[in-house]
């Protein structure tokens, strides 16, 4: 989104939170030099604990009640805004006049609630995820959903990353809900590698959904595959995998994924749980890679069929789909073309930018 705003000559003030955003001083300096924003504010939502009395009296205790976490008034929704952060945010608004105020995630929505300093700015929330579904085990679903809809309704415009979330939010929110899918550049020269190093590529970070997915795949599907099938696993999910085999290459961190995608034939997305569009799926589509996934793998995709994905929740059929793509050249070519067409129609950056132009009233 920052790249989009810069391409449209917006003047951008970027605000983040030090601990939640996992910033350090090197990160801040690098971001400031990236030219993605005109001004950068990285705020700490809590003071230092060096003066423990000050910390308890002027941060911990007031914030305990502000965030509605007292036992007699629980909030069934994740709240990231603290009193200290809100005061700092108001100070920024007071010193500037904005046309748009753009907030990421409903957990930060209260920054604009009862805030007269927003002035005449159009407020926009980029939801990213259906938070109630993400926290359904921890929170009361009814209360969480009610709070999420209330927060989204505080804004003039809500951006939803998936068609499912656009549908749900638009049914209950007074806000204008717009589909804003993932936006990626089409990779350059991705057909130049003729001899692929890997049959399968599996990209996954370290979260509970990916842990469940990886466990299912390596327990139920992997034993069905020939040992000649070469698999590349990229990401922190490797820290949770005990399996070691000659046909598996593990890469904990890759600075640039393009080389790996270009050297793979088929992408895997064995997701059993989770919400929103799967980043790994759209990335694979951009390289024209067919994808073998479960039903959760196509969540958020605008077109559910003829999109380059072979879908099954049955482990035997999942394995068959993999081998079909690796052994049937005509089927592989068909799904590769479908993948690239799905990407170009729905997720290619410039095409998405044109859609956003209508949202932000750019002629």
Protein backbone atom coordinates (compact mmCIF):
# COMPACT_ATOMS: atom_id res chain seq x y z
CA UNK A 1 0.00 0.00 0.00
CA UNK A 2 2.87 2.39 0.71
CA UNK A 3 4.25 1.69 -2.76
CA UNK A 4 0.82 2.42 -4.23
CA UNK A 5 0.50 5.73 -2.37
CA UNK A 6 4.00 6.79 -3.44
CA UNK A 7 3.23 5.90 -7.06
CA UNK A 8 0.25 8.26 -6.86
CA UNK A 9 2.34 11.09 -5.33
CA UNK A 10 0.72 10.99 -1.89
CA UNK A 11 2.62 12.66 0.94
CA UNK A 12 2.86 9.94 3.56
CA UNK A 13 3.37 10.03 7.32
CA UNK A 14 3.99 6.48 8.53
CA UNK A 15 3.24 5.56 12.14
CA UNK A 16 4.14 2.26 13.80
CA UNK A 17 4.56 0.82 17.29
CA UNK A 18 8.06 -0.14 18.40
CA UNK A 19 7.40 -3.45 20.18
CA UNK A 20 4.46 -4.77 18.15
CA UNK A 21 6.27 -3.91 14.92
CA UNK A 22 9.48 -5.54 16.21
CA UNK A 23 11.55 -2.50 15.31
CA UNK A 24 15.12 -1.76 16.23
CA UNK A 25 17.14 1.36 15.47
CA UNK A 26 18.71 -0.19 12.37
CA UNK A 27 15.26 -1.09 11.01
CA UNK A 28 13.99 2.43 11.56
CA UNK A 29 16.94 3.99 9.78
CA UNK A 30 16.62 1.57 6.85
CA UNK A 31 12.91 2.31 6.53
CA UNK A 32 13.52 6.05 6.57
CA UNK A 33 16.03 5.61 3.75
CA UNK A 34 13.63 3.48 1.69
CA UNK A 35 11.67 6.56 0.58
CA UNK A 36 8.36 4.81 1.24
CA UNK A 37 7.25 7.64 3.52
CA UNK A 38 7.94 11.34 3.92
CA UNK A 39 7.97 11.14 7.72
CA UNK A 40 8.32 8.12 9.99
CA UNK A 41 7.08 7.87 13.58
CA UNK A 42 7.90 4.72 15.56
CA UNK A 43 6.22 5.08 18.94
CA UNK A 44 6.71 3.02 22.08
CA UNK A 45 3.36 2.13 23.57
CA UNK A 46 4.78 1.82 27.09
CA UNK A 47 7.49 3.59 29.08
CA UNK A 48 10.70 2.04 30.38
CA UNK A 49 10.53 -0.11 33.53
CA UNK A 50 13.60 1.58 34.99
CA UNK A 51 11.35 3.67 37.24
CA UNK A 52 9.01 0.88 38.31
CA UNK A 53 6.75 3.14 40.39
CA UNK A 54 6.18 5.51 37.46
CA UNK A 55 5.62 2.51 35.17
CA UNK A 56 2.96 1.03 37.45
CA UNK A 57 1.14 4.26 38.38
CA UNK A 58 1.22 6.11 35.07
CA UNK A 59 1.15 3.26 32.55
CA UNK A 60 0.23 -0.19 33.83
CA UNK A 61 -2.68 0.70 36.10
CA UNK A 62 -4.39 3.33 33.86
CA UNK A 63 -3.90 1.16 30.80
CA UNK A 64 -5.33 -1.89 32.58
CA UNK A 65 -8.71 -0.16 32.79
CA UNK A 66 -8.42 1.68 29.48
CA UNK A 67 -8.10 -1.58 27.53
CA UNK A 68 -11.13 -3.04 29.36
CA UNK A 69 -9.21 -6.03 30.67
CA UNK A 70 -10.45 -5.84 34.22
CA UNK A 71 -12.11 -9.04 35.35
CA UNK A 72 -15.49 -7.33 35.68
CA UNK A 73 -15.43 -5.78 32.17
CA UNK A 74 -13.54 -8.10 29.77
CA UNK A 75 -13.09 -7.18 26.13
CA UNK A 76 -13.43 -10.22 23.86
CA UNK A 77 -11.19 -8.74 21.19
CA UNK A 78 -7.44 -8.05 20.90
CA UNK A 79 -6.70 -4.40 21.73
CA UNK A 80 -3.25 -3.01 20.85
CA UNK A 81 -3.88 0.69 21.52
CA UNK A 82 -2.57 1.98 24.84
CA UNK A 83 -3.26 5.36 26.43
CA UNK A 84 0.34 6.37 25.83
CA UNK A 85 0.22 5.44 22.16
CA UNK A 86 -3.12 7.15 21.63
CA UNK A 87 -1.80 10.40 23.12
CA UNK A 88 1.24 10.26 20.82
CA UNK A 89 -1.01 9.55 17.82
CA UNK A 90 -3.25 12.51 18.69
CA UNK A 91 -0.19 14.73 18.87
CA UNK A 92 0.72 13.77 15.30
CA UNK A 93 -2.83 14.51 14.12
CA UNK A 94 -2.84 17.84 15.93
CA UNK A 95 0.29 18.97 14.09
CA UNK A 96 -0.84 17.87 10.62
CA UNK A 97 -3.82 18.10 8.31
CA UNK A 98 -4.57 14.80 6.54
CA UNK A 99 -6.84 13.86 3.65
CA UNK A 100 -6.75 10.17 4.59
CA UNK A 101 -6.06 8.29 7.81
CA UNK A 102 -5.21 4.70 7.00
CA UNK A 103 -5.20 2.10 9.81
CA UNK A 104 -4.02 -1.51 9.55
CA UNK A 105 -5.98 -4.13 11.53
CA UNK A 106 -9.08 -3.73 13.69
CA UNK A 107 -6.93 -4.07 16.82
CA UNK A 108 -5.77 -0.48 16.20
CA UNK A 109 -9.19 0.89 15.23
CA UNK A 110 -9.76 2.75 18.50
CA UNK A 111 -7.12 5.28 17.42
CA UNK A 112 -9.87 7.06 15.47
CA UNK A 113 -12.74 6.41 17.88
CA UNK A 114 -14.08 9.61 19.54
CA UNK A 115 -11.09 11.41 18.09
CA UNK A 116 -11.99 14.96 16.99
CA UNK A 117 -8.49 15.45 15.59
CA UNK A 118 -9.27 13.28 12.58
CA UNK A 119 -10.92 16.38 11.16
CA UNK A 120 -12.29 16.02 7.65
CA UNK A 121 -9.98 13.13 6.78
CA UNK A 122 -11.46 10.05 5.13
CA UNK A 123 -10.74 7.15 7.46
CA UNK A 124 -9.75 3.79 5.97
CA UNK A 125 -9.17 0.46 7.69
CA UNK A 126 -7.22 -2.31 5.99
CA UNK A 127 -8.63 -5.36 7.79
CA UNK A 128 -6.17 -7.99 6.48
CA UNK A 129 -7.87 -10.78 8.44
CA UNK A 130 -11.13 -11.83 9.99
CA UNK A 131 -9.88 -11.37 13.55
CA UNK A 132 -12.81 -13.15 15.23
CA UNK A 133 -11.96 -16.33 13.34
CA UNK A 134 -8.28 -15.98 14.27
CA UNK A 135 -9.05 -15.74 18.01
CA UNK A 136 -12.13 -17.97 18.20
CA UNK A 137 -10.53 -20.36 20.70
CA UNK A 138 -9.59 -17.56 23.13
CA UNK A 139 -12.64 -15.31 22.91
CA UNK A 140 -16.41 -15.50 22.97
CA UNK A 141 -17.26 -15.61 19.25
CA UNK A 142 -20.47 -13.60 19.51
CA UNK A 143 -18.93 -10.78 21.53
CA UNK A 144 -15.77 -10.77 19.42
CA UNK A 145 -17.68 -10.58 16.15
CA UNK A 146 -19.90 -7.80 17.48
CA UNK A 147 -16.81 -5.82 18.53
CA UNK A 148 -15.02 -6.42 15.23
CA UNK A 149 -18.01 -5.16 13.23
CA UNK A 150 -18.33 -2.15 15.55
CA UNK A 151 -14.68 -1.26 15.01
CA UNK A 152 -14.83 -1.59 11.24
CA UNK A 153 -17.96 0.56 11.22
CA UNK A 154 -15.95 3.42 12.77
CA UNK A 155 -14.34 3.99 9.35
CA UNK A 156 -15.52 5.48 6.08
CA UNK A 157 -13.93 2.71 3.98
CA UNK A 158 -12.88 -0.85 4.84
CA UNK A 159 -10.50 -2.84 2.67
CA UNK A 160 -10.91 -6.63 2.72
CA UNK A 161 -8.15 -8.89 1.44
CA UNK A 162 -10.46 -11.77 0.48
CA UNK A 163 -13.86 -12.16 -1.15
CA UNK A 164 -15.13 -14.12 1.86
CA UNK A 165 -14.23 -11.36 4.27
CA UNK A 166 -15.64 -8.72 1.95
CA UNK A 167 -18.94 -10.61 1.95
CA UNK A 168 -19.08 -11.04 5.75
CA UNK A 169 -18.11 -7.45 6.56
CA UNK A 170 -20.43 -5.94 3.95
CA UNK A 171 -23.38 -7.85 5.41
CA UNK A 172 -23.02 -6.27 8.85
CA UNK A 173 -21.01 -3.04 8.56
CA UNK A 174 -22.36 0.39 7.71
CA UNK A 175 -18.96 1.10 6.18
CA UNK A 176 -18.23 0.83 2.47
CA UNK A 177 -16.36 -2.49 2.12
CA UNK A 178 -13.99 -2.80 -0.84
CA UNK A 179 -11.99 -5.80 -2.03
CA UNK A 180 -8.26 -5.03 -1.96
CA UNK A 181 -6.45 -8.31 -2.68
CA UNK A 182 -2.74 -8.96 -2.46
CA UNK A 183 -0.78 -6.99 -5.04
CA UNK A 184 2.45 -8.36 -6.50
CA UNK A 185 4.73 -7.50 -9.37
CA UNK A 186 4.84 -10.13 -12.07
CA UNK A 187 8.27 -11.76 -11.77
CA UNK A 188 10.73 -11.20 -14.58
CA UNK A 189 12.31 -14.03 -16.56
CA UNK A 190 10.64 -16.80 -14.57
CA UNK A 191 10.58 -19.16 -17.55
CA UNK A 192 14.35 -19.04 -18.05
CA UNK A 193 15.14 -22.04 -15.79
CA UNK A 194 14.56 -25.17 -17.86
CA UNK A 195 15.95 -27.85 -15.54
CA UNK A 196 14.19 -27.52 -12.19
CA UNK A 197 16.08 -28.39 -9.01
CA UNK A 198 12.94 -29.14 -7.00
CA UNK A 199 9.71 -30.96 -7.75
CA UNK A 200 7.89 -29.35 -4.83
CA UNK A 201 8.33 -26.07 -2.96
CA UNK A 202 6.71 -25.45 0.43
CA UNK A 203 6.99 -21.97 1.97
CA UNK A 204 5.71 -21.51 5.52
CA UNK A 205 6.36 -19.28 8.52
CA UNK A 206 6.09 -20.36 12.13
CA UNK A 207 2.48 -20.19 13.30
CA UNK A 208 -0.01 -22.70 14.67
CA UNK A 209 -1.84 -23.06 11.34
CA UNK A 210 1.34 -23.91 9.44
CA UNK A 211 2.46 -26.27 12.20
CA UNK A 212 -0.78 -28.24 11.86
CA UNK A 213 -0.50 -28.21 8.08
CA UNK A 214 3.09 -29.41 8.00
CA UNK A 215 2.36 -32.17 10.52
CA UNK A 216 -0.56 -33.41 8.41
CA UNK A 217 1.43 -33.35 5.17
CA UNK A 218 4.51 -35.14 6.46
CA UNK A 219 2.48 -37.66 8.47
CA UNK A 220 -0.08 -38.57 5.83
CA UNK A 221 0.98 -37.41 2.35
CA UNK A 222 4.76 -37.53 2.29
CA UNK A 223 4.94 -41.32 2.96
CA UNK A 224 2.85 -41.87 -0.20
CA UNK A 225 5.30 -40.04 -2.48
CA UNK A 226 8.25 -41.68 -4.25
CA UNK A 227 11.59 -40.93 -2.58
CA UNK A 228 12.75 -39.50 -5.91
CA UNK A 229 10.46 -36.46 -5.47
CA UNK A 230 12.67 -33.51 -4.48
CA UNK A 231 11.16 -31.13 -1.91
CA UNK A 232 12.38 -27.68 -0.85
CA UNK A 233 10.99 -26.35 2.46
CA UNK A 234 11.53 -22.64 3.15
CA UNK A 235 10.82 -20.74 6.32
CA UNK A 236 10.74 -21.07 10.09
CA UNK A 237 8.40 -24.05 9.80
CA UNK A 238 11.63 -26.04 9.48
CA UNK A 239 12.16 -25.54 13.21
CA UNK A 240 9.13 -27.78 13.85
CA UNK A 241 10.04 -30.54 11.42
CA UNK A 242 12.02 -33.51 12.66
CA UNK A 243 11.96 -35.34 9.35
CA UNK A 244 15.31 -35.62 7.57
CA UNK A 245 15.73 -37.28 4.17
CA UNK A 246 18.01 -37.03 1.12
CA UNK A 247 15.14 -35.69 -1.00
CA UNK A 248 14.37 -32.77 1.38
CA UNK A 249 16.22 -29.45 1.32
CA UNK A 250 15.51 -27.14 4.28
CA UNK A 251 16.08 -23.38 4.09
CA UNK A 252 15.20 -21.49 7.29
CA UNK A 253 15.51 -18.05 5.72
CA UNK A 254 15.70 -16.86 2.12
CA UNK A 255 16.51 -13.24 1.32
CA UNK A 256 14.92 -13.68 -2.12
CA UNK A 257 12.32 -16.35 -2.85
CA UNK A 258 12.32 -15.82 -6.61
CA UNK A 259 15.27 -18.14 -7.24
CA UNK A 260 13.53 -20.95 -5.38
CA UNK A 261 10.19 -20.46 -7.12
CA UNK A 262 11.93 -20.41 -10.50
CA UNK A 263 13.65 -23.69 -9.68
CA UNK A 264 10.47 -25.52 -8.59
CA UNK A 265 7.77 -27.31 -10.55
CA UNK A 266 4.83 -27.40 -8.10
CA UNK A 267 3.92 -25.40 -4.97
CA UNK A 268 2.35 -26.91 -1.85
CA UNK A 269 -0.17 -25.30 0.48
CA UNK A 270 -1.51 -27.97 2.87
CA UNK A 271 -3.55 -25.59 5.04
CA UNK A 272 -6.18 -27.11 7.36
CA UNK A 273 -7.06 -23.94 9.33
CA UNK A 274 -6.61 -20.19 9.09
CA UNK A 275 -8.30 -17.21 7.48
CA UNK A 276 -7.60 -14.78 4.69
CA UNK A 277 -5.74 -15.20 1.43
CA UNK A 278 -2.65 -17.38 1.62
CA UNK A 279 0.37 -15.33 0.55
CA UNK A 280 2.27 -18.43 -0.59
CA UNK A 281 -0.55 -19.27 -3.01
CA UNK A 282 -0.58 -15.86 -4.72
CA UNK A 283 3.23 -15.88 -4.88
CA UNK A 284 3.20 -19.26 -6.59
CA UNK A 285 0.51 -18.11 -9.04
CA UNK A 286 2.70 -15.16 -10.02
CA UNK A 287 5.40 -17.60 -11.17
CA UNK A 288 2.91 -19.71 -13.08
CA UNK A 289 3.34 -22.62 -10.66
CA UNK A 290 0.49 -25.10 -10.25
CA UNK A 291 -0.49 -25.53 -6.60
CA UNK A 292 -1.64 -28.59 -4.67
CA UNK A 293 -3.62 -27.53 -1.61
CA UNK A 294 -6.49 -28.26 0.77
CA UNK A 295 -9.77 -26.35 0.76
CA UNK A 296 -8.29 -23.71 3.09
CA UNK A 297 -5.61 -23.05 0.50
CA UNK A 298 -8.04 -21.37 -1.88
CA UNK A 299 -9.65 -19.20 0.80
CA UNK A 300 -9.73 -15.63 -0.37
CA UNK A 301 -9.06 -16.38 -4.02
CA UNK A 302 -11.38 -14.45 -6.29
CA UNK A 303 -11.91 -17.37 -8.64
CA UNK A 304 -12.22 -20.76 -6.97
CA UNK A 305 -11.91 -22.90 -10.11
CA UNK A 306 -9.59 -22.95 -13.13
CA UNK A 307 -7.05 -21.07 -11.02
CA UNK A 308 -4.07 -23.43 -11.14
CA UNK A 309 -4.94 -25.14 -7.86
CA UNK A 310 -5.70 -28.83 -7.43
CA UNK A 311 -7.71 -29.06 -4.21
CA UNK A 312 -8.36 -31.98 -1.87
CA UNK A 313 -8.70 -32.55 1.87
CA UNK A 314 -8.12 -36.29 1.47
CA UNK A 315 -4.46 -37.20 1.94
CA UNK A 316 -4.50 -39.94 -0.70
CA UNK A 317 -6.05 -37.67 -3.34
CA UNK A 318 -3.68 -34.88 -2.26
CA UNK A 319 -0.76 -37.18 -3.08
CA UNK A 320 -2.36 -38.21 -6.37
CA UNK A 321 -2.72 -34.55 -7.35
CA UNK A 322 0.99 -34.03 -6.76
CA UNK A 323 1.98 -37.00 -8.89
CA UNK A 324 -0.51 -36.02 -11.62
CA UNK A 325 1.25 -32.69 -12.06
CA UNK A 326 4.71 -34.26 -11.96
CA UNK A 327 3.95 -37.01 -14.48
CA UNK A 328 1.26 -35.65 -16.81
CA UNK A 329 2.81 -32.96 -19.00
CA UNK A 330 -0.50 -31.86 -20.55
CA UNK A 331 -2.15 -31.47 -17.12
CA UNK A 332 0.85 -29.56 -15.83
CA UNK A 333 0.80 -27.14 -18.77
CA UNK A 334 -2.95 -26.59 -18.36
CA UNK A 335 -2.69 -25.80 -14.62
CA UNK A 336 0.38 -23.60 -15.11
CA UNK A 337 -1.53 -21.49 -17.65
CA UNK A 338 -4.53 -21.30 -15.31
CA UNK A 339 -2.25 -20.15 -12.47
CA UNK A 340 -0.69 -17.36 -14.49
CA UNK A 341 -4.06 -16.22 -15.88
CA UNK A 342 -5.55 -16.13 -12.37
CA UNK A 343 -2.65 -13.99 -11.16
CA UNK A 344 -2.75 -11.57 -14.08
CA UNK A 345 -6.50 -11.06 -13.77
CA UNK A 346 -6.69 -10.57 -10.01
CA UNK A 347 -3.37 -9.88 -8.27
CA UNK A 348 -0.99 -8.22 -10.71
CA UNK A 349 0.09 -4.95 -9.13
CA UNK A 350 -0.76 -2.43 -11.85
CA UNK A 351 -4.18 -3.97 -12.38
CA UNK A 352 -4.89 -3.73 -8.65
CA UNK A 353 -3.59 -0.14 -8.59
CA UNK A 354 -6.20 0.85 -11.16
CA UNK A 355 -8.91 -0.53 -8.90
CA UNK A 356 -7.53 1.36 -5.90
CA UNK A 357 -7.59 4.57 -7.94
CA UNK A 358 -11.39 4.42 -7.83
CA UNK A 359 -11.32 3.93 -4.05
CA UNK A 360 -9.03 6.89 -3.46
CA UNK A 361 -10.76 9.06 -6.09
CA UNK A 362 -7.77 9.36 -8.40
CA UNK A 363 -8.69 10.19 -11.98
